[in-house]
Amino acid sequence: MKLSVVIAGENALDSAFVVWRGFEESMRKASEYGYDGVELALKSADEISAKYLRELLEKYCLEVSCISTGQVFADSGLYLTDRDPLRREKLIRIFHDLICLASGFGKKVNIGRVRGHISHGSTFFETQELFLEALKTIAKIALQHDVTLLIEPVNRYEINFINRLDEGAAILEQAGILNAGLMADVFHMNIEEIRISDALIQCKKYVNYIHLADTNRMAPGWGHMNFDEIFDTLYSIGYDGWVAVEILPKPEPDSAARQAINYLEPYIKKER
């Protein structure tokens, strides 16, 4: 496994779940603290040029683990289950550009809250059909660029569509898309799953990326998440991909980032 930390540009939204802001300073600290890579939380692909990103990654010996899209939804209000086709088309263009960027950096793009919700007056099946249509369109673009899409189940208090891993797996089964998987976020899973380990085992076919936070969204070790069980399960299912720290930057970013890597490194080193 490799360990990354979620970062964003200086103009990231206040609501963004990122540890550091400002690309160069964030990468400098990530490298200094011992992270293997960074997950980029972007509002659009033009926040950072491919040339500048490559220079920073080479300078600080880091990789991009994934490009996440939570800020796209929060900043623009666009989502894939919107009944307005023009708004869906606008969002798909944003995804196209993010996928092009990801083709050279990480080759993974997540689909979290930006997938949308079951709106008032819509049924689950109507919402699912809109999402499947958009997902298939985006997946075709991603396939051309050798990029994998990651559906991230999110807890019921933030969204009402695809809350558990098995619901995400069912969508993927129905879509029949080869270049898509699941981003398993243990914070959301702690709310929605009966048992995190059972869900990971049940959906191991699709688990392609892991988000880590403690039960209170703080750095691992500052809550009561059972990370022994989580990592034992990841080893048992043969998971060897990225695990990314997506936490609140509290009590302040640097101490949170240090706590996260100091707490998680023994699990990563054990596997290595």
C-alpha atoms as a PDB file:
ATOM      1  CA  MET A   1       0.000   0.000   0.000  1.00  0.00           C
ATOM      2  CA  LYS A   2       0.930   3.647  -0.436  1.00  0.00           C
ATOM      3  CA  LEU A   3      -0.191   6.535   1.768  1.00  0.00           C
ATOM      4  CA  SER A   4      -1.386   9.897   0.476  1.00  0.00           C
ATOM      5  CA  VAL A   5      -2.913  13.034   1.959  1.00  0.00           C
ATOM      6  CA  VAL A   6      -5.707  15.177   0.508  1.00  0.00           C
ATOM      7  CA  ILE A   7      -4.680  18.708  -0.524  1.00  0.00           C
ATOM      8  CA  ALA A   8      -6.119  21.568  -2.558  1.00  0.00           C
ATOM      9  CA  GLY A   9      -5.217  24.942  -4.031  1.00  0.00           C
ATOM     10  CA  GLU A  10      -5.110  28.136  -2.018  1.00  0.00           C
ATOM     11  CA  ASN A  11      -8.618  29.082  -3.125  1.00  0.00           C
ATOM     12  CA  ALA A  12     -10.249  25.860  -1.972  1.00  0.00           C
ATOM     13  CA  LEU A  13     -13.656  26.240  -0.397  1.00  0.00           C
ATOM     14  CA  ASP A  14     -13.866  26.544   3.375  1.00  0.00           C
ATOM     15  CA  SER A  15     -15.930  23.350   3.351  1.00  0.00           C
ATOM     16  CA  ALA A  16     -13.285  21.306   1.519  1.00  0.00           C
ATOM     17  CA  PHE A  17     -12.114  18.213   3.411  1.00  0.00           C
ATOM     18  CA  VAL A  18      -8.417  18.826   2.832  1.00  0.00           C
ATOM     19  CA  VAL A  19      -5.460  18.877   5.177  1.00  0.00           C
ATOM     20  CA  TRP A  20      -3.399  21.589   3.446  1.00  0.00           C
ATOM     21  CA  ARG A  21      -4.050  24.324   0.878  1.00  0.00           C
ATOM     22  CA  GLY A  22      -1.623  25.713  -1.670  1.00  0.00           C
ATOM     23  CA  PHE A  23      -0.111  23.155  -4.003  1.00  0.00           C
ATOM     24  CA  GLU A  24       3.629  23.736  -3.517  1.00  0.00           C
ATOM     25  CA  GLU A  25       3.576  24.218   0.251  1.00  0.00           C
ATOM     26  CA  SER A  26       1.240  21.235   0.646  1.00  0.00           C
ATOM     27  CA  MET A  27       3.494  18.982  -1.393  1.00  0.00           C
ATOM     28  CA  ARG A  28       6.596  20.188   0.421  1.00  0.00           C
ATOM     29  CA  LYS A  29       5.050  19.258   3.747  1.00  0.00           C
ATOM     30  CA  ALA A  30       3.647  15.967   2.468  1.00  0.00           C
ATOM     31  CA  SER A  31       7.119  14.968   1.293  1.00  0.00           C
ATOM     32  CA  GLU A  32       8.774  16.176   4.494  1.00  0.00           C
ATOM     33  CA  TYR A  33       6.351  14.206   6.665  1.00  0.00           C
ATOM     34  CA  GLY A  34       6.866  11.017   4.653  1.00  0.00           C
ATOM     35  CA  TYR A  35       3.711  10.651   2.566  1.00  0.00           C
ATOM     36  CA  ASP A  36       4.021   8.798  -0.742  1.00  0.00           C
ATOM     37  CA  GLY A  37       1.590  11.003  -2.596  1.00  0.00           C
ATOM     38  CA  VAL A  38      -1.198  13.557  -2.626  1.00  0.00           C
ATOM     39  CA  GLU A  39      -4.850  13.395  -3.569  1.00  0.00           C
ATOM     40  CA  LEU A  40      -5.882  16.571  -5.397  1.00  0.00           C
ATOM     41  CA  ALA A  41      -9.267  18.058  -4.473  1.00  0.00           C
ATOM     42  CA  LEU A  42     -10.054  20.276  -7.458  1.00  0.00           C
ATOM     43  CA  LYS A  43     -12.927  22.493  -8.564  1.00  0.00           C
ATOM     44  CA  SER A  44     -11.724  22.305 -12.171  1.00  0.00           C
ATOM     45  CA  ALA A  45      -8.735  21.028 -14.111  1.00  0.00           C
ATOM     46  CA  ASP A  46      -7.441  24.531 -14.822  1.00  0.00           C
ATOM     47  CA  GLU A  47      -6.589  25.089 -11.136  1.00  0.00           C
ATOM     48  CA  ILE A  48      -3.174  23.608 -11.859  1.00  0.00           C
ATOM     49  CA  SER A  49      -1.357  23.061 -15.138  1.00  0.00           C
ATOM     50  CA  ALA A  50       0.052  19.662 -16.016  1.00  0.00           C
ATOM     51  CA  LYS A  51       3.512  21.211 -16.445  1.00  0.00           C
ATOM     52  CA  TYR A  52       3.514  22.832 -12.997  1.00  0.00           C
ATOM     53  CA  LEU A  53       2.069  19.741 -11.358  1.00  0.00           C
ATOM     54  CA  ARG A  54       4.764  17.533 -12.896  1.00  0.00           C
ATOM     55  CA  GLU A  55       7.485  19.917 -11.724  1.00  0.00           C
ATOM     56  CA  LEU A  56       6.170  19.858  -8.153  1.00  0.00           C
ATOM     57  CA  LEU A  57       5.816  16.084  -8.061  1.00  0.00           C
ATOM     58  CA  GLU A  58       9.365  15.609  -9.334  1.00  0.00           C
ATOM     59  CA  LYS A  59      10.726  18.231  -6.941  1.00  0.00           C
ATOM     60  CA  TYR A  60       9.151  16.598  -3.896  1.00  0.00           C
ATOM     61  CA  CYS A  61       9.292  12.953  -5.060  1.00  0.00           C
ATOM     62  CA  LEU A  62       5.540  12.431  -4.822  1.00  0.00           C
ATOM     63  CA  GLU A  63       2.778  10.843  -6.876  1.00  0.00           C
ATOM     64  CA  VAL A  64      -0.856  11.802  -7.382  1.00  0.00           C
ATOM     65  CA  SER A  65      -3.049   9.092  -5.895  1.00  0.00           C
ATOM     66  CA  CYS A  66      -6.374  10.410  -7.208  1.00  0.00           C
ATOM     67  CA  ILE A  67      -8.254  13.519  -8.311  1.00  0.00           C
ATOM     68  CA  SER A  68     -11.378  14.076  -6.220  1.00  0.00           C
ATOM     69  CA  THR A  69     -14.465  16.052  -7.199  1.00  0.00           C
ATOM     70  CA  GLY A  70     -16.177  17.045  -3.970  1.00  0.00           C
ATOM     71  CA  GLN A  71     -15.343  20.698  -4.603  1.00  0.00           C
ATOM     72  CA  VAL A  72     -16.917  20.558  -8.062  1.00  0.00           C
ATOM     73  CA  PHE A  73     -20.276  19.838  -6.453  1.00  0.00           C
ATOM     74  CA  ALA A  74     -19.792  22.287  -3.577  1.00  0.00           C
ATOM     75  CA  ASP A  75     -18.557  25.128  -5.783  1.00  0.00           C
ATOM     76  CA  SER A  76     -20.828  24.831  -8.820  1.00  0.00           C
ATOM     77  CA  GLY A  77     -23.869  23.014  -7.476  1.00  0.00           C
ATOM     78  CA  LEU A  78     -23.692  20.709 -10.498  1.00  0.00           C
ATOM     79  CA  TYR A  79     -24.524  17.026 -10.120  1.00  0.00           C
ATOM     80  CA  LEU A  80     -24.976  14.057 -12.440  1.00  0.00           C
ATOM     81  CA  THR A  81     -28.593  13.267 -11.528  1.00  0.00           C
ATOM     82  CA  ASP A  82     -29.813  16.783 -12.298  1.00  0.00           C
ATOM     83  CA  ARG A  83     -32.926  16.620 -14.468  1.00  0.00           C
ATOM     84  CA  ASP A  84     -31.648  19.557 -16.522  1.00  0.00           C
ATOM     85  CA  PRO A  85     -29.674  18.076 -19.459  1.00  0.00           C
ATOM     86  CA  LEU A  86     -27.716  21.299 -20.031  1.00  0.00           C
ATOM     87  CA  ARG A  87     -26.403  21.286 -16.466  1.00  0.00           C
ATOM     88  CA  ARG A  88     -25.466  17.606 -16.791  1.00  0.00           C
ATOM     89  CA  GLU A  89     -23.611  18.352 -20.033  1.00  0.00           C
ATOM     90  CA  LYS A  90     -21.707  21.180 -18.354  1.00  0.00           C
ATOM     91  CA  LEU A  91     -20.626  18.836 -15.567  1.00  0.00           C
ATOM     92  CA  ILE A  92     -19.572  16.150 -18.013  1.00  0.00           C
ATOM     93  CA  ARG A  93     -17.286  18.701 -19.696  1.00  0.00           C
ATOM     94  CA  ILE A  94     -15.701  19.413 -16.311  1.00  0.00           C
ATOM     95  CA  PHE A  95     -15.196  15.674 -15.826  1.00  0.00           C
ATOM     96  CA  HIS A  96     -13.641  15.450 -19.288  1.00  0.00           C
ATOM     97  CA  ASP A  97     -10.984  17.983 -18.334  1.00  0.00           C
ATOM     98  CA  LEU A  98     -10.309  16.349 -14.945  1.00  0.00           C
ATOM     99  CA  ILE A  99      -9.960  12.970 -16.650  1.00  0.00           C
ATOM    100  CA  CYS A 100      -7.471  14.431 -19.138  1.00  0.00           C
ATOM    101  CA  LEU A 101      -5.415  15.757 -16.226  1.00  0.00           C
ATOM    102  CA  ALA A 102      -5.679  12.446 -14.366  1.00  0.00           C
ATOM    103  CA  SER A 103      -4.463  10.557 -17.437  1.00  0.00           C
ATOM    104  CA  GLY A 104      -0.962  11.807 -16.651  1.00  0.00           C
ATOM    105  CA  PHE A 105      -1.310  11.891 -12.877  1.00  0.00           C
ATOM    106  CA  GLY A 106      -2.766   9.027 -10.891  1.00  0.00           C
ATOM    107  CA  LYS A 107      -5.267   7.766 -13.463  1.00  0.00           C
ATOM    108  CA  LYS A 108      -8.121   7.859 -10.935  1.00  0.00           C
ATOM    109  CA  VAL A 109     -11.053  10.288 -10.602  1.00  0.00           C
ATOM    110  CA  ASN A 110     -13.633   9.945  -7.869  1.00  0.00           C
ATOM    111  CA  ILE A 111     -17.393  10.463  -7.994  1.00  0.00           C
ATOM    112  CA  GLY A 112     -18.643  11.419  -4.555  1.00  0.00           C
ATOM    113  CA  ARG A 113     -21.490  13.828  -3.807  1.00  0.00           C
ATOM    114  CA  VAL A 114     -21.243  15.160  -7.350  1.00  0.00           C
ATOM    115  CA  ARG A 115     -23.241  12.119  -8.461  1.00  0.00           C
ATOM    116  CA  GLY A 116     -26.321  13.847  -7.052  1.00  0.00           C
ATOM    117  CA  HIS A 117     -29.294  12.899  -4.954  1.00  0.00           C
ATOM    118  CA  ILE A 118     -32.864  11.728  -5.157  1.00  0.00           C
ATOM    119  CA  SER A 119     -34.593  15.068  -5.472  1.00  0.00           C
ATOM    120  CA  HIS A 120     -38.119  15.927  -4.372  1.00  0.00           C
ATOM    121  CA  GLY A 121     -40.589  14.454  -6.830  1.00  0.00           C
ATOM    122  CA  SER A 122     -38.091  11.920  -8.234  1.00  0.00           C
ATOM    123  CA  THR A 123     -37.952   8.205  -7.526  1.00  0.00           C
ATOM    124  CA  PHE A 124     -34.886   6.094  -6.796  1.00  0.00           C
ATOM    125  CA  PHE A 125     -35.201   4.402 -10.187  1.00  0.00           C
ATOM    126  CA  GLU A 126     -35.456   7.698 -12.081  1.00  0.00           C
ATOM    127  CA  THR A 127     -32.383   8.971 -10.256  1.00  0.00           C
ATOM    128  CA  GLN A 128     -30.506   5.746 -10.902  1.00  0.00           C
ATOM    129  CA  GLU A 129     -31.252   5.913 -14.620  1.00  0.00           C
ATOM    130  CA  LEU A 130     -29.947   9.478 -14.851  1.00  0.00           C
ATOM    131  CA  PHE A 131     -26.805   8.497 -12.984  1.00  0.00           C
ATOM    132  CA  LEU A 132     -26.198   5.395 -15.075  1.00  0.00           C
ATOM    133  CA  GLU A 133     -26.556   7.388 -18.277  1.00  0.00           C
ATOM    134  CA  ALA A 134     -24.053  10.004 -17.094  1.00  0.00           C
ATOM    135  CA  LEU A 135     -21.696   7.380 -15.634  1.00  0.00           C
ATOM    136  CA  LYS A 136     -21.539   5.481 -18.910  1.00  0.00           C
ATOM    137  CA  THR A 137     -20.797   8.688 -20.813  1.00  0.00           C
ATOM    138  CA  ILE A 138     -17.998   9.667 -18.440  1.00  0.00           C
ATOM    139  CA  ALA A 139     -16.643   6.108 -18.385  1.00  0.00           C
ATOM    140  CA  LYS A 140     -16.236   6.171 -22.184  1.00  0.00           C
ATOM    141  CA  ILE A 141     -14.165   9.327 -21.877  1.00  0.00           C
ATOM    142  CA  ALA A 142     -12.142   7.828 -19.039  1.00  0.00           C
ATOM    143  CA  LEU A 143     -11.524   4.632 -20.996  1.00  0.00           C
ATOM    144  CA  GLN A 144      -9.963   6.620 -23.822  1.00  0.00           C
ATOM    145  CA  HIS A 145      -7.505   8.075 -21.315  1.00  0.00           C
ATOM    146  CA  ASP A 146      -6.866   4.878 -19.308  1.00  0.00           C
ATOM    147  CA  VAL A 147      -8.494   6.416 -16.221  1.00  0.00           C
ATOM    148  CA  THR A 148     -10.519   4.578 -13.570  1.00  0.00           C
ATOM    149  CA  LEU A 149     -13.649   6.146 -12.058  1.00  0.00           C
ATOM    150  CA  LEU A 150     -14.297   5.626  -8.359  1.00  0.00           C
ATOM    151  CA  ILE A 151     -17.796   5.791  -6.914  1.00  0.00           C
ATOM    152  CA  GLU A 152     -17.626   6.875  -3.282  1.00  0.00           C
ATOM    153  CA  PRO A 153     -20.580   5.888  -1.065  1.00  0.00           C
ATOM    154  CA  VAL A 154     -21.344   8.788   1.275  1.00  0.00           C
ATOM    155  CA  ASN A 155     -23.335   8.698   4.497  1.00  0.00           C
ATOM    156  CA  ARG A 156     -27.062   9.465   4.696  1.00  0.00           C
ATOM    157  CA  TYR A 157     -26.552  12.800   6.467  1.00  0.00           C
ATOM    158  CA  GLU A 158     -24.817  14.216   3.392  1.00  0.00           C
ATOM    159  CA  ILE A 159     -26.670  12.529   0.534  1.00  0.00           C
ATOM    160  CA  ASN A 160     -29.558  10.114  -0.021  1.00  0.00           C
ATOM    161  CA  PHE A 161     -28.228   8.125  -2.981  1.00  0.00           C
ATOM    162  CA  ILE A 162     -25.558   5.375  -2.782  1.00  0.00           C
ATOM    163  CA  ASN A 163     -24.737   5.321   0.926  1.00  0.00           C
ATOM    164  CA  ARG A 164     -23.225   1.832   1.313  1.00  0.00           C
ATOM    165  CA  LEU A 165     -20.593  -0.165  -0.548  1.00  0.00           C
ATOM    166  CA  ASP A 166     -23.093  -2.792  -1.676  1.00  0.00           C
ATOM    167  CA  GLU A 167     -25.257  -0.067  -3.229  1.00  0.00           C
ATOM    168  CA  GLY A 168     -22.247   1.214  -5.150  1.00  0.00           C
ATOM    169  CA  ALA A 169     -21.365  -2.324  -6.220  1.00  0.00           C
ATOM    170  CA  ALA A 170     -24.924  -2.899  -7.435  1.00  0.00           C
ATOM    171  CA  ILE A 171     -24.717   0.223  -9.602  1.00  0.00           C
ATOM    172  CA  LEU A 172     -21.427  -0.956 -11.080  1.00  0.00           C
ATOM    173  CA  GLU A 173     -22.864  -4.417 -11.759  1.00  0.00           C
ATOM    174  CA  GLN A 174     -25.785  -2.855 -13.567  1.00  0.00           C
ATOM    175  CA  ALA A 175     -23.612  -0.441 -15.537  1.00  0.00           C
ATOM    176  CA  GLY A 176     -21.209  -3.176 -16.653  1.00  0.00           C
ATOM    177  CA  ILE A 177     -18.321  -0.712 -16.792  1.00  0.00           C
ATOM    178  CA  LEU A 178     -14.832  -2.197 -16.624  1.00  0.00           C
ATOM    179  CA  ASN A 179     -12.928   0.999 -15.770  1.00  0.00           C
ATOM    180  CA  ALA A 180     -14.845   1.831 -12.584  1.00  0.00           C
ATOM    181  CA  GLY A 181     -14.612   0.762  -8.970  1.00  0.00           C
ATOM    182  CA  LEU A 182     -15.400   1.855  -5.426  1.00  0.00           C
ATOM    183  CA  MET A 183     -13.714   4.361  -3.164  1.00  0.00           C
ATOM    184  CA  ALA A 184     -14.304   2.989   0.329  1.00  0.00           C
ATOM    185  CA  ASP A 185     -14.286   5.766   2.932  1.00  0.00           C
ATOM    186  CA  VAL A 186     -14.148   4.331   6.446  1.00  0.00           C
ATOM    187  CA  PHE A 187     -15.674   7.484   7.980  1.00  0.00           C
ATOM    188  CA  HIS A 188     -18.854   7.025   5.922  1.00  0.00           C
ATOM    189  CA  MET A 189     -18.725   3.255   6.359  1.00  0.00           C
ATOM    190  CA  ASN A 190     -18.628   3.628  10.137  1.00  0.00           C
ATOM    191  CA  ILE A 191     -22.042   5.318   9.885  1.00  0.00           C
ATOM    192  CA  GLU A 192     -23.663   3.166   7.213  1.00  0.00           C
ATOM    193  CA  GLU A 193     -22.235  -0.353   7.361  1.00  0.00           C
ATOM    194  CA  ILE A 194     -23.156  -2.979   9.954  1.00  0.00           C
ATOM    195  CA  ARG A 195     -19.472  -3.905  10.048  1.00  0.00           C
ATOM    196  CA  ILE A 196     -16.753  -2.273   7.961  1.00  0.00           C
ATOM    197  CA  SER A 197     -14.748  -5.464   7.501  1.00  0.00           C
ATOM    198  CA  ASP A 198     -17.752  -7.431   6.234  1.00  0.00           C
ATOM    199  CA  ALA A 199     -18.573  -4.726   3.677  1.00  0.00           C
ATOM    200  CA  LEU A 200     -14.985  -4.631   2.409  1.00  0.00           C
ATOM    201  CA  ILE A 201     -14.952  -8.409   2.021  1.00  0.00           C
ATOM    202  CA  GLN A 202     -18.359  -8.503   0.322  1.00  0.00           C
ATOM    203  CA  CYS A 203     -17.376  -5.808  -2.184  1.00  0.00           C
ATOM    204  CA  LYS A 204     -13.665  -6.638  -2.541  1.00  0.00           C
ATOM    205  CA  LYS A 205     -14.084  -7.130  -6.294  1.00  0.00           C
ATOM    206  CA  TYR A 206     -14.708  -3.406  -6.680  1.00  0.00           C
ATOM    207  CA  VAL A 207     -12.694  -1.807  -3.862  1.00  0.00           C
ATOM    208  CA  ASN A 208     -10.076   0.270  -5.661  1.00  0.00           C
ATOM    209  CA  TYR A 209      -9.167   3.073  -3.245  1.00  0.00           C
ATOM    210  CA  ILE A 210      -9.456   3.796   0.486  1.00  0.00           C
ATOM    211  CA  HIS A 211     -10.172   7.008   2.393  1.00  0.00           C
ATOM    212  CA  LEU A 212      -9.057   7.013   6.013  1.00  0.00           C
ATOM    213  CA  ALA A 213     -10.269   9.141   8.907  1.00  0.00           C
ATOM    214  CA  ASP A 214     -11.229   8.408  12.466  1.00  0.00           C
ATOM    215  CA  THR A 215     -14.825   8.198  13.689  1.00  0.00           C
ATOM    216  CA  ASN A 216     -14.928  11.946  14.368  1.00  0.00           C
ATOM    217  CA  ARG A 217     -13.279  12.907  11.036  1.00  0.00           C
ATOM    218  CA  MET A 218     -10.088  13.683  12.938  1.00  0.00           C
ATOM    219  CA  ALA A 219      -6.713  12.121  12.240  1.00  0.00           C
ATOM    220  CA  PRO A 220      -6.511   8.345  12.786  1.00  0.00           C
ATOM    221  CA  GLY A 221      -5.879   7.577  16.444  1.00  0.00           C
ATOM    222  CA  TRP A 222      -7.883  10.554  17.683  1.00  0.00           C
ATOM    223  CA  GLY A 223     -11.202   8.694  17.666  1.00  0.00           C
ATOM    224  CA  HIS A 224     -12.283   5.102  18.235  1.00  0.00           C
ATOM    225  CA  MET A 225     -12.078   3.556  14.745  1.00  0.00           C
ATOM    226  CA  ASN A 226     -10.795  -0.032  14.778  1.00  0.00           C
ATOM    227  CA  PHE A 227      -7.879   0.360  12.379  1.00  0.00           C
ATOM    228  CA  ASP A 228      -6.436  -3.023  13.375  1.00  0.00           C
ATOM    229  CA  GLU A 229      -9.520  -4.711  11.960  1.00  0.00           C
ATOM    230  CA  ILE A 230      -9.622  -2.465   8.907  1.00  0.00           C
ATOM    231  CA  PHE A 231      -6.030  -3.156   7.889  1.00  0.00           C
ATOM    232  CA  ASP A 232      -6.284  -6.856   8.724  1.00  0.00           C
ATOM    233  CA  THR A 233      -9.251  -6.986   6.355  1.00  0.00           C
ATOM    234  CA  LEU A 234      -7.447  -5.046   3.624  1.00  0.00           C
ATOM    235  CA  TYR A 235      -4.511  -7.478   3.852  1.00  0.00           C
ATOM    236  CA  SER A 236      -6.882 -10.460   3.777  1.00  0.00           C
ATOM    237  CA  ILE A 237      -8.594  -9.332   0.580  1.00  0.00           C
ATOM    238  CA  GLY A 238      -5.255  -8.603  -1.079  1.00  0.00           C
ATOM    239  CA  TYR A 239      -5.714  -4.852  -1.320  1.00  0.00           C
ATOM    240  CA  ASP A 240      -2.428  -3.165  -2.276  1.00  0.00           C
ATOM    241  CA  GLY A 241      -3.528   0.220  -3.590  1.00  0.00           C
ATOM    242  CA  TRP A 242      -3.631   3.725  -2.164  1.00  0.00           C
ATOM    243  CA  VAL A 243      -4.914   4.667   1.268  1.00  0.00           C
ATOM    244  CA  ALA A 244      -5.554   8.401   1.533  1.00  0.00           C
ATOM    245  CA  VAL A 245      -5.931  10.577   4.621  1.00  0.00           C
ATOM    246  CA  GLU A 246      -9.086  12.714   4.284  1.00  0.00           C
ATOM    247  CA  ILE A 247      -9.507  14.415   7.665  1.00  0.00           C
ATOM    248  CA  LEU A 248     -10.424  17.678   9.310  1.00  0.00           C
ATOM    249  CA  PRO A 249      -7.330  19.915   9.597  1.00  0.00           C
ATOM    250  CA  LYS A 250      -7.784  20.186  13.363  1.00  0.00           C
ATOM    251  CA  PRO A 251      -6.576  21.272  15.828  1.00  0.00           C
ATOM    252  CA  GLU A 252      -4.445  22.650  12.993  1.00  0.00           C
ATOM    253  CA  PRO A 253      -3.260  21.118   9.700  1.00  0.00           C
ATOM    254  CA  ASP A 254       0.355  20.259  10.544  1.00  0.00           C
ATOM    255  CA  SER A 255      -0.351  18.374  13.768  1.00  0.00           C
ATOM    256  CA  ALA A 256      -3.247  16.530  12.126  1.00  0.00           C
ATOM    257  CA  ALA A 257      -1.054  15.443   9.210  1.00  0.00           C
ATOM    258  CA  ARG A 258       1.758  14.351  11.531  1.00  0.00           C
ATOM    259  CA  GLN A 259      -0.632  12.396  13.745  1.00  0.00           C
ATOM    260  CA  ALA A 260      -2.116  10.642  10.718  1.00  0.00           C
ATOM    261  CA  ILE A 261       1.155   9.429   9.246  1.00  0.00           C
ATOM    262  CA  ASN A 262       2.705   8.559  12.596  1.00  0.00           C
ATOM    263  CA  TYR A 263      -0.331   6.484  13.487  1.00  0.00           C
ATOM    264  CA  LEU A 264      -0.763   4.808  10.077  1.00  0.00           C
ATOM    265  CA  GLU A 265       2.874   4.188   9.134  1.00  0.00           C
ATOM    266  CA  PRO A 266       3.223   0.999  11.247  1.00  0.00           C
ATOM    267  CA  TYR A 267       0.282  -0.519   9.357  1.00  0.00           C
ATOM    268  CA  ILE A 268       1.804   0.422   6.003  1.00  0.00           C
ATOM    269  CA  LYS A 269       5.310  -0.732   6.957  1.00  0.00           C
ATOM    270  CA  LYS A 270       3.930  -4.008   8.265  1.00  0.00           C
ATOM    271  CA  GLU A 271       2.435  -4.706   4.869  1.00  0.00           C
ATOM    272  CA  ARG A 272       5.539  -3.634   2.983  1.00  0.00           C
END
